[in-house]
């Protein structure tokens, strides 16, 4: 397929069916790497690259979490059911999708205990995914190890910077960061040190009373859930000023792992992107549908990456209209008693991938969690 500035697009599919995997409402399914290889067999030929994945169904979301104990998946559904009050659209909004997974020497780069989850909120039928596999034409920076001495939020940008060089300073590169653990997360938008405190209101340790995966202490299963809510994976756009934050959800930085966390990194040099603004004016603490301007900017590109420009703002794909999404978020904040300006940017979405020929036609929603009136603005980066 196409070669562009610093990368080769190896395969792109807006909708592929995972054989033998059926999505049913209320299921959290572990998707093995062998399943992904059947739909993206070119993975085995990639020495250094990235696999972008997203559910092709709007009632299902993808995440990375514990690949060993099935109780984690059962508990994950219990938590999402409680958070969403059994509203499938709200549950899908809270799960992390899409994913960007580094590839090295023909294998996905994930943690020892990490696997891909499909969190199915409604419907029944074959599980379908959208995928984009790119080969990086520059050597990958590998991984870095960062300190995680206690529960909380830490800026780890200084540890990542030497590994990625000047990639975060140019306008034609994106940095993919994937945390190789299942009870911590990474984000480019941690609005204050109160994030972990607010997340503990969203998923309180008192919920252990109805959870199974509690073997490692009260912070065990809530830590897994927070990892899926915030995400083990994020993207830094080279032309942005965003920093990388580690959100540690365990008291001691991981079970049996000491006080450190590992982050896998990939630099992907892309075609120059565009900063796209909505024509609907400014908005403060609200949601705006930017589907039209994003799809117009995408043109004929088979897939585009979309990232918010301003700190405190997010972008997500959802079956909800902007007004309904705003109502759902307000209801969640009211139920949990959290500060939306702190937890919202980390919880709702760092980036989305939009496939041109995807079966799903979700709304692309920009949300401002700050009190400042801002014009909706996003980076739109084509893979073409």
Protein backbone atom coordinates (compact mmCIF):
# COMPACT_ATOMS: atom_id res chain seq x y z
CA UNK A 1 0.00 0.00 0.00
CA UNK A 2 1.00 3.67 0.21
CA UNK A 3 4.29 5.04 1.54
CA UNK A 4 4.29 8.51 3.05
CA UNK A 5 6.70 10.68 5.03
CA UNK A 6 8.50 8.18 7.27
CA UNK A 7 5.97 5.36 7.23
CA UNK A 8 4.47 2.71 5.00
CA UNK A 9 0.77 1.87 5.20
CA UNK A 10 0.85 -1.93 5.09
CA UNK A 11 -2.87 -2.70 5.46
CA UNK A 12 -6.08 -0.82 6.14
CA UNK A 13 -9.52 -2.33 6.71
CA UNK A 14 -12.60 -0.42 7.78
CA UNK A 15 -14.41 -3.61 8.79
CA UNK A 16 -13.08 -7.13 9.33
CA UNK A 17 -14.88 -9.96 11.11
CA UNK A 18 -13.07 -11.84 13.86
CA UNK A 19 -13.85 -15.47 13.15
CA UNK A 20 -15.38 -17.40 16.01
CA UNK A 21 -15.84 -14.31 18.21
CA UNK A 22 -19.44 -13.32 18.92
CA UNK A 23 -20.32 -10.05 20.64
CA UNK A 24 -23.21 -10.26 23.11
CA UNK A 25 -24.46 -7.47 25.33
CA UNK A 26 -22.91 -7.85 28.77
CA UNK A 27 -19.79 -9.70 27.57
CA UNK A 28 -16.19 -8.65 28.05
CA UNK A 29 -14.21 -10.78 25.60
CA UNK A 30 -10.46 -11.39 25.59
CA UNK A 31 -9.24 -11.21 21.98
CA UNK A 32 -6.10 -13.29 21.55
CA UNK A 33 -3.23 -12.12 19.35
CA UNK A 34 -3.88 -15.11 17.11
CA UNK A 35 -7.37 -13.73 16.38
CA UNK A 36 -5.90 -10.38 15.37
CA UNK A 37 -3.29 -12.09 13.18
CA UNK A 38 -6.06 -13.77 11.20
CA UNK A 39 -7.50 -10.41 10.14
CA UNK A 40 -4.15 -8.58 9.95
CA UNK A 41 -1.71 -11.32 8.87
CA UNK A 42 0.86 -8.73 7.77
CA UNK A 43 1.78 -8.19 11.43
CA UNK A 44 4.34 -10.98 11.14
CA UNK A 45 6.29 -8.98 8.53
CA UNK A 46 6.63 -5.80 10.60
CA UNK A 47 9.95 -5.17 12.31
CA UNK A 48 8.92 -1.77 13.69
CA UNK A 49 5.43 -0.33 13.41
CA UNK A 50 2.05 0.35 14.96
CA UNK A 51 -1.31 -1.42 14.75
CA UNK A 52 -4.32 0.88 15.16
CA UNK A 53 -7.53 -0.92 16.16
CA UNK A 54 -11.11 0.07 16.81
CA UNK A 55 -14.38 -1.75 17.12
CA UNK A 56 -16.39 -1.44 13.91
CA UNK A 57 -19.53 -1.71 16.05
CA UNK A 58 -20.75 1.33 17.98
CA UNK A 59 -22.11 -0.88 20.77
CA UNK A 60 -18.68 -2.34 21.51
CA UNK A 61 -15.37 -0.80 22.64
CA UNK A 62 -11.80 -2.04 22.83
CA UNK A 63 -9.44 -1.82 25.79
CA UNK A 64 -6.22 -3.34 27.16
CA UNK A 65 -6.26 -5.15 30.49
CA UNK A 66 -5.58 -8.37 32.43
CA UNK A 67 -5.22 -11.41 30.13
CA UNK A 68 -5.05 -14.12 32.79
CA UNK A 69 -7.85 -14.08 35.38
CA UNK A 70 -11.34 -14.21 33.81
CA UNK A 71 -12.73 -12.69 37.02
CA UNK A 72 -11.28 -9.34 35.91
CA UNK A 73 -13.49 -9.41 32.82
CA UNK A 74 -16.59 -10.32 34.83
CA UNK A 75 -15.83 -7.54 37.32
CA UNK A 76 -15.15 -5.07 34.51
CA UNK A 77 -18.66 -5.58 33.21
CA UNK A 78 -20.15 -5.19 36.71
CA UNK A 79 -18.35 -1.87 37.08
CA UNK A 80 -19.40 -0.55 33.66
CA UNK A 81 -22.99 -1.63 34.29
CA UNK A 82 -23.03 0.27 37.56
CA UNK A 83 -21.33 3.38 36.17
CA UNK A 84 -23.64 3.60 33.16
CA UNK A 85 -26.81 2.61 35.00
CA UNK A 86 -27.28 -0.05 32.30
CA UNK A 87 -27.21 2.51 29.46
CA UNK A 88 -25.15 0.87 26.70
CA UNK A 89 -24.31 4.13 24.92
CA UNK A 90 -22.95 5.65 28.12
CA UNK A 91 -20.97 2.49 28.89
CA UNK A 92 -19.45 2.56 25.39
CA UNK A 93 -18.55 6.22 25.91
CA UNK A 94 -16.54 5.37 29.04
CA UNK A 95 -14.55 2.45 27.60
CA UNK A 96 -11.32 3.17 25.75
CA UNK A 97 -11.36 2.86 21.99
CA UNK A 98 -9.42 2.94 19.69
CA UNK A 99 -6.05 1.34 20.49
CA UNK A 100 -2.58 2.01 19.08
CA UNK A 101 -0.30 -0.96 19.78
CA UNK A 102 3.42 -0.96 18.88
CA UNK A 103 4.64 -3.87 16.75
CA UNK A 104 8.19 -5.21 17.03
CA UNK A 105 9.74 -8.12 15.10
CA UNK A 106 6.37 -9.47 13.99
CA UNK A 107 4.70 -9.35 17.43
CA UNK A 108 2.44 -6.95 19.28
CA UNK A 109 4.25 -5.13 22.06
CA UNK A 110 2.10 -5.59 25.15
CA UNK A 111 2.76 -6.34 28.80
CA UNK A 112 3.14 -9.89 30.11
CA UNK A 113 -0.35 -9.82 31.61
CA UNK A 114 -1.95 -7.56 29.00
CA UNK A 115 -4.55 -8.51 26.41
CA UNK A 116 -7.08 -6.81 24.13
CA UNK A 117 -10.63 -6.64 25.53
CA UNK A 118 -13.84 -6.18 23.58
CA UNK A 119 -16.39 -4.65 25.96
CA UNK A 120 -19.79 -5.39 24.42
CA UNK A 121 -22.59 -3.20 25.68
CA UNK A 122 -25.53 -4.27 23.53
CA UNK A 123 -26.52 -6.28 20.51
CA UNK A 124 -25.45 -9.70 19.37
CA UNK A 125 -23.47 -10.85 16.38
CA UNK A 126 -19.96 -11.28 14.97
CA UNK A 127 -17.32 -9.01 16.44
CA UNK A 128 -16.01 -6.64 13.77
CA UNK A 129 -12.96 -4.39 13.96
CA UNK A 130 -11.35 -1.60 11.94
CA UNK A 131 -7.58 -1.83 11.58
CA UNK A 132 -4.65 0.14 10.21
CA UNK A 133 -1.14 -1.34 10.21
CA UNK A 134 1.78 0.97 9.50
CA UNK A 135 5.50 0.23 9.21
CA UNK A 136 7.75 2.93 10.65
CA UNK A 137 10.68 3.74 8.37
CA UNK A 138 12.71 5.04 11.31
CA UNK A 139 14.03 2.88 14.18
CA UNK A 140 11.69 2.60 17.15
CA UNK A 141 12.75 4.14 20.46
CA UNK A 142 11.75 0.96 22.34
CA UNK A 143 10.63 1.52 25.90
CA UNK A 144 11.36 3.55 29.01
CA UNK A 145 11.06 2.73 32.71
CA UNK A 146 9.53 5.34 35.02
CA UNK A 147 9.19 5.53 38.78
CA UNK A 148 5.79 4.76 40.33
CA UNK A 149 6.52 5.03 44.01
CA UNK A 150 3.02 5.79 45.15
CA UNK A 151 -0.56 6.13 44.01
CA UNK A 152 -1.21 9.37 42.13
CA UNK A 153 -0.36 11.29 38.97
CA UNK A 154 3.18 12.05 37.77
CA UNK A 155 4.53 13.94 34.76
CA UNK A 156 6.86 11.48 32.99
CA UNK A 157 7.58 13.65 29.95
CA UNK A 158 11.21 14.14 30.97
CA UNK A 159 11.76 10.37 30.94
CA UNK A 160 10.15 9.97 27.52
CA UNK A 161 11.85 12.95 25.85
CA UNK A 162 15.35 11.41 25.49
CA UNK A 163 13.84 8.27 23.91
CA UNK A 164 11.82 10.08 21.23
CA UNK A 165 14.26 12.93 20.54
CA UNK A 166 12.79 15.91 18.71
CA UNK A 167 9.70 14.02 17.49
CA UNK A 168 7.49 15.93 19.93
CA UNK A 169 8.72 19.25 18.58
CA UNK A 170 7.86 18.86 14.90
CA UNK A 171 4.50 18.99 13.18
CA UNK A 172 4.85 15.79 11.16
CA UNK A 173 5.17 13.11 13.84
CA UNK A 174 3.04 11.37 16.42
CA UNK A 175 4.37 9.47 19.42
CA UNK A 176 2.47 6.33 20.43
CA UNK A 177 2.82 5.50 24.15
CA UNK A 178 1.56 2.21 25.56
CA UNK A 179 1.85 1.42 29.26
CA UNK A 180 2.75 -2.26 29.67
CA UNK A 181 0.66 -2.74 32.82
CA UNK A 182 -2.99 -3.30 33.74
CA UNK A 183 -3.54 -1.26 36.92
CA UNK A 184 -2.10 2.08 35.85
CA UNK A 185 -2.77 4.35 32.89
CA UNK A 186 -1.33 7.15 30.76
CA UNK A 187 -2.88 10.36 29.50
CA UNK A 188 -1.81 13.61 27.87
CA UNK A 189 -4.32 15.61 29.88
CA UNK A 190 -4.05 15.31 33.66
CA UNK A 191 -5.72 18.46 34.96
CA UNK A 192 -4.33 18.51 38.49
CA UNK A 193 -3.11 16.20 41.22
CA UNK A 194 -6.68 15.40 42.25
CA UNK A 195 -7.20 13.02 39.33
CA UNK A 196 -6.55 9.79 41.25
CA UNK A 197 -8.71 11.01 44.13
CA UNK A 198 -11.58 11.69 41.76
CA UNK A 199 -11.11 8.36 39.99
CA UNK A 200 -11.45 6.69 43.40
CA UNK A 201 -14.86 8.31 43.65
CA UNK A 202 -15.79 7.01 40.21
CA UNK A 203 -14.68 3.47 41.14
CA UNK A 204 -14.64 3.35 44.97
CA UNK A 205 -12.91 0.56 46.84
CA UNK A 206 -16.18 -0.11 48.66
CA UNK A 207 -17.31 -1.82 45.42
CA UNK A 208 -15.04 -4.73 46.31
CA UNK A 209 -18.06 -6.04 48.21
CA UNK A 210 -19.54 -7.29 44.89
CA UNK A 211 -16.29 -7.92 42.97
CA UNK A 212 -14.33 -11.17 42.56
CA UNK A 213 -10.78 -10.09 41.66
CA UNK A 214 -9.71 -8.87 45.10
CA UNK A 215 -6.70 -11.11 45.74
CA UNK A 216 -4.10 -8.34 45.87
CA UNK A 217 -5.83 -5.85 48.15
CA UNK A 218 -8.54 -3.21 48.07
CA UNK A 219 -6.79 -1.28 45.29
CA UNK A 220 -6.64 -4.34 42.98
CA UNK A 221 -9.78 -4.48 40.82
CA UNK A 222 -10.50 -0.74 41.10
CA UNK A 223 -6.99 -0.22 39.67
CA UNK A 224 -7.81 -2.45 36.67
CA UNK A 225 -11.05 -0.56 36.06
CA UNK A 226 -9.34 2.84 36.23
CA UNK A 227 -6.76 1.59 33.73
CA UNK A 228 -9.53 0.83 31.23
CA UNK A 229 -11.39 4.08 31.96
CA UNK A 230 -8.34 6.33 31.47
CA UNK A 231 -6.49 3.99 29.09
CA UNK A 232 -3.11 2.28 28.92
CA UNK A 233 -2.50 3.91 25.56
CA UNK A 234 -2.30 7.48 24.27
CA UNK A 235 -0.84 9.59 21.46
CA UNK A 236 1.21 12.79 21.51
CA UNK A 237 0.98 14.94 18.39
CA UNK A 238 4.33 16.50 17.50
CA UNK A 239 2.90 19.99 17.04
CA UNK A 240 1.08 19.97 20.39
CA UNK A 241 2.37 21.12 23.77
CA UNK A 242 0.82 18.24 25.67
CA UNK A 243 2.83 16.25 28.18
CA UNK A 244 2.68 12.58 29.15
CA UNK A 245 1.30 11.70 32.57
CA UNK A 246 1.45 8.39 34.41
CA UNK A 247 -1.62 7.66 36.52
CA UNK A 248 -0.66 5.10 39.16
CA UNK A 249 -3.73 3.35 40.59
CA UNK A 250 -1.98 0.97 43.00
CA UNK A 251 -0.49 1.82 46.37
CA UNK A 252 2.92 0.34 45.52
CA UNK A 253 3.21 0.67 41.74
CA UNK A 254 2.04 -2.79 40.79
CA UNK A 255 1.77 -6.25 42.30
CA UNK A 256 5.22 -7.78 42.75
CA UNK A 257 6.72 -5.34 40.27
CA UNK A 258 8.50 -2.92 42.59
CA UNK A 259 7.87 0.76 42.21
CA UNK A 260 8.35 1.14 38.47
CA UNK A 261 6.28 1.03 35.28
CA UNK A 262 7.36 0.37 31.68
CA UNK A 263 6.11 2.39 28.69
CA UNK A 264 6.55 1.18 25.09
CA UNK A 265 7.06 3.98 22.54
CA UNK A 266 6.84 4.38 18.78
CA UNK A 267 7.46 7.44 16.64
CA UNK A 268 5.42 7.59 13.44
CA UNK A 269 6.23 10.33 10.92
CA UNK A 270 3.04 11.18 9.07
CA UNK A 271 1.83 13.45 6.34
CA UNK A 272 1.35 16.99 7.62
CA UNK A 273 -1.92 17.28 9.47
CA UNK A 274 -4.36 20.16 9.70
CA UNK A 275 -5.71 22.09 12.65
CA UNK A 276 -9.44 22.19 12.02
CA UNK A 277 -11.87 24.54 13.75
CA UNK A 278 -15.62 24.24 14.10
CA UNK A 279 -17.73 27.05 12.70
CA UNK A 280 -20.23 26.82 15.57
CA UNK A 281 -18.49 29.37 17.81
CA UNK A 282 -17.07 29.01 21.30
CA UNK A 283 -18.24 26.66 24.03
CA UNK A 284 -17.42 26.34 27.73
CA UNK A 285 -18.06 23.16 29.70
CA UNK A 286 -19.99 21.61 26.86
CA UNK A 287 -20.07 19.16 23.94
CA UNK A 288 -20.01 20.08 20.24
CA UNK A 289 -20.54 17.75 17.28
CA UNK A 290 -17.57 18.27 14.91
CA UNK A 291 -18.30 15.31 12.62
CA UNK A 292 -18.81 17.46 9.53
CA UNK A 293 -15.59 19.46 9.73
CA UNK A 294 -13.50 16.38 10.58
CA UNK A 295 -14.85 14.29 7.70
CA UNK A 296 -14.44 17.21 5.30
CA UNK A 297 -10.82 17.62 6.39
CA UNK A 298 -10.22 13.86 6.05
CA UNK A 299 -11.05 13.94 2.35
CA UNK A 300 -10.26 10.65 0.61
CA UNK A 301 -7.80 9.39 3.22
CA UNK A 302 -8.73 5.80 4.21
CA UNK A 303 -8.10 6.65 7.87
CA UNK A 304 -7.33 9.76 9.91
CA UNK A 305 -6.14 10.41 13.43
CA UNK A 306 -8.02 13.13 15.34
CA UNK A 307 -6.62 14.72 18.52
CA UNK A 308 -7.83 17.75 20.51
CA UNK A 309 -5.65 20.88 20.45
CA UNK A 310 -6.38 22.62 23.76
CA UNK A 311 -5.67 21.18 27.23
CA UNK A 312 -8.89 20.37 29.05
CA UNK A 313 -10.64 19.33 25.83
CA UNK A 314 -11.33 15.86 24.46
CA UNK A 315 -12.57 14.15 21.32
CA UNK A 316 -14.52 10.91 21.14
CA UNK A 317 -16.71 8.85 18.81
CA UNK A 318 -20.09 7.92 20.19
CA UNK A 319 -23.60 6.97 19.18
CA UNK A 320 -24.82 9.78 21.43
CA UNK A 321 -25.75 13.21 20.12
CA UNK A 322 -23.81 16.07 21.70
CA UNK A 323 -26.71 17.12 23.95
CA UNK A 324 -27.33 13.56 25.14
CA UNK A 325 -23.61 13.06 25.78
CA UNK A 326 -23.49 16.24 27.88
CA UNK A 327 -26.48 15.05 29.92
CA UNK A 328 -24.91 11.62 30.45
CA UNK A 329 -21.63 13.13 31.67
CA UNK A 330 -23.41 15.55 34.01
CA UNK A 331 -25.37 12.66 35.49
CA UNK A 332 -22.13 10.70 36.03
CA UNK A 333 -20.45 13.63 37.76
CA UNK A 334 -23.51 14.10 39.98
CA UNK A 335 -23.62 10.40 40.95
CA UNK A 336 -19.94 10.20 41.77
CA UNK A 337 -19.34 13.68 43.21
CA UNK A 338 -16.23 14.31 41.11
CA UNK A 339 -14.82 17.52 39.67
CA UNK A 340 -15.53 17.30 35.95
CA UNK A 341 -12.69 19.66 35.02
CA UNK A 342 -10.18 17.28 36.63
CA UNK A 343 -11.44 13.82 35.74
CA UNK A 344 -13.28 14.57 32.49
CA UNK A 345 -10.27 15.16 30.18
CA UNK A 346 -8.60 11.92 31.29
CA UNK A 347 -11.79 9.88 31.23
CA UNK A 348 -13.43 10.81 27.93
CA UNK A 349 -10.79 10.63 25.18
CA UNK A 350 -7.29 11.65 24.07
CA UNK A 351 -7.79 10.76 20.40
CA UNK A 352 -9.98 8.94 17.88
CA UNK A 353 -9.35 7.15 14.60
CA UNK A 354 -11.85 7.64 11.77
CA UNK A 355 -11.97 5.09 8.93
CA UNK A 356 -13.46 6.40 5.68
CA UNK A 357 -15.49 3.29 4.80
CA UNK A 358 -16.35 2.16 8.33
CA UNK A 359 -19.77 0.66 8.92
CA UNK A 360 -20.22 2.75 12.07
CA UNK A 361 -21.18 6.38 11.52
CA UNK A 362 -20.84 7.67 15.07
CA UNK A 363 -20.82 11.31 15.95
CA UNK A 364 -17.39 12.85 16.57
CA UNK A 365 -17.82 14.95 19.69
CA UNK A 366 -15.43 17.60 21.02
CA UNK A 367 -15.88 18.41 24.70
CA UNK A 368 -14.55 21.36 26.69
CA UNK A 369 -14.19 20.60 30.40
CA UNK A 370 -12.81 24.05 31.26
CA UNK A 371 -14.68 27.23 32.18
CA UNK A 372 -12.96 29.14 29.36
CA UNK A 373 -15.01 29.60 26.17
CA UNK A 374 -13.03 27.84 23.44
CA UNK A 375 -13.53 27.29 19.73
CA UNK A 376 -13.61 23.53 19.05
CA UNK A 377 -10.26 22.76 17.43
CA UNK A 378 -8.59 19.42 16.61
CA UNK A 379 -5.58 18.03 14.77
CA UNK A 380 -6.68 15.94 11.78
CA UNK A 381 -3.77 13.75 10.58
CA UNK A 382 -4.34 11.63 7.44
CA UNK A 383 -2.94 8.19 6.74
CA UNK A 384 -3.06 8.13 2.96
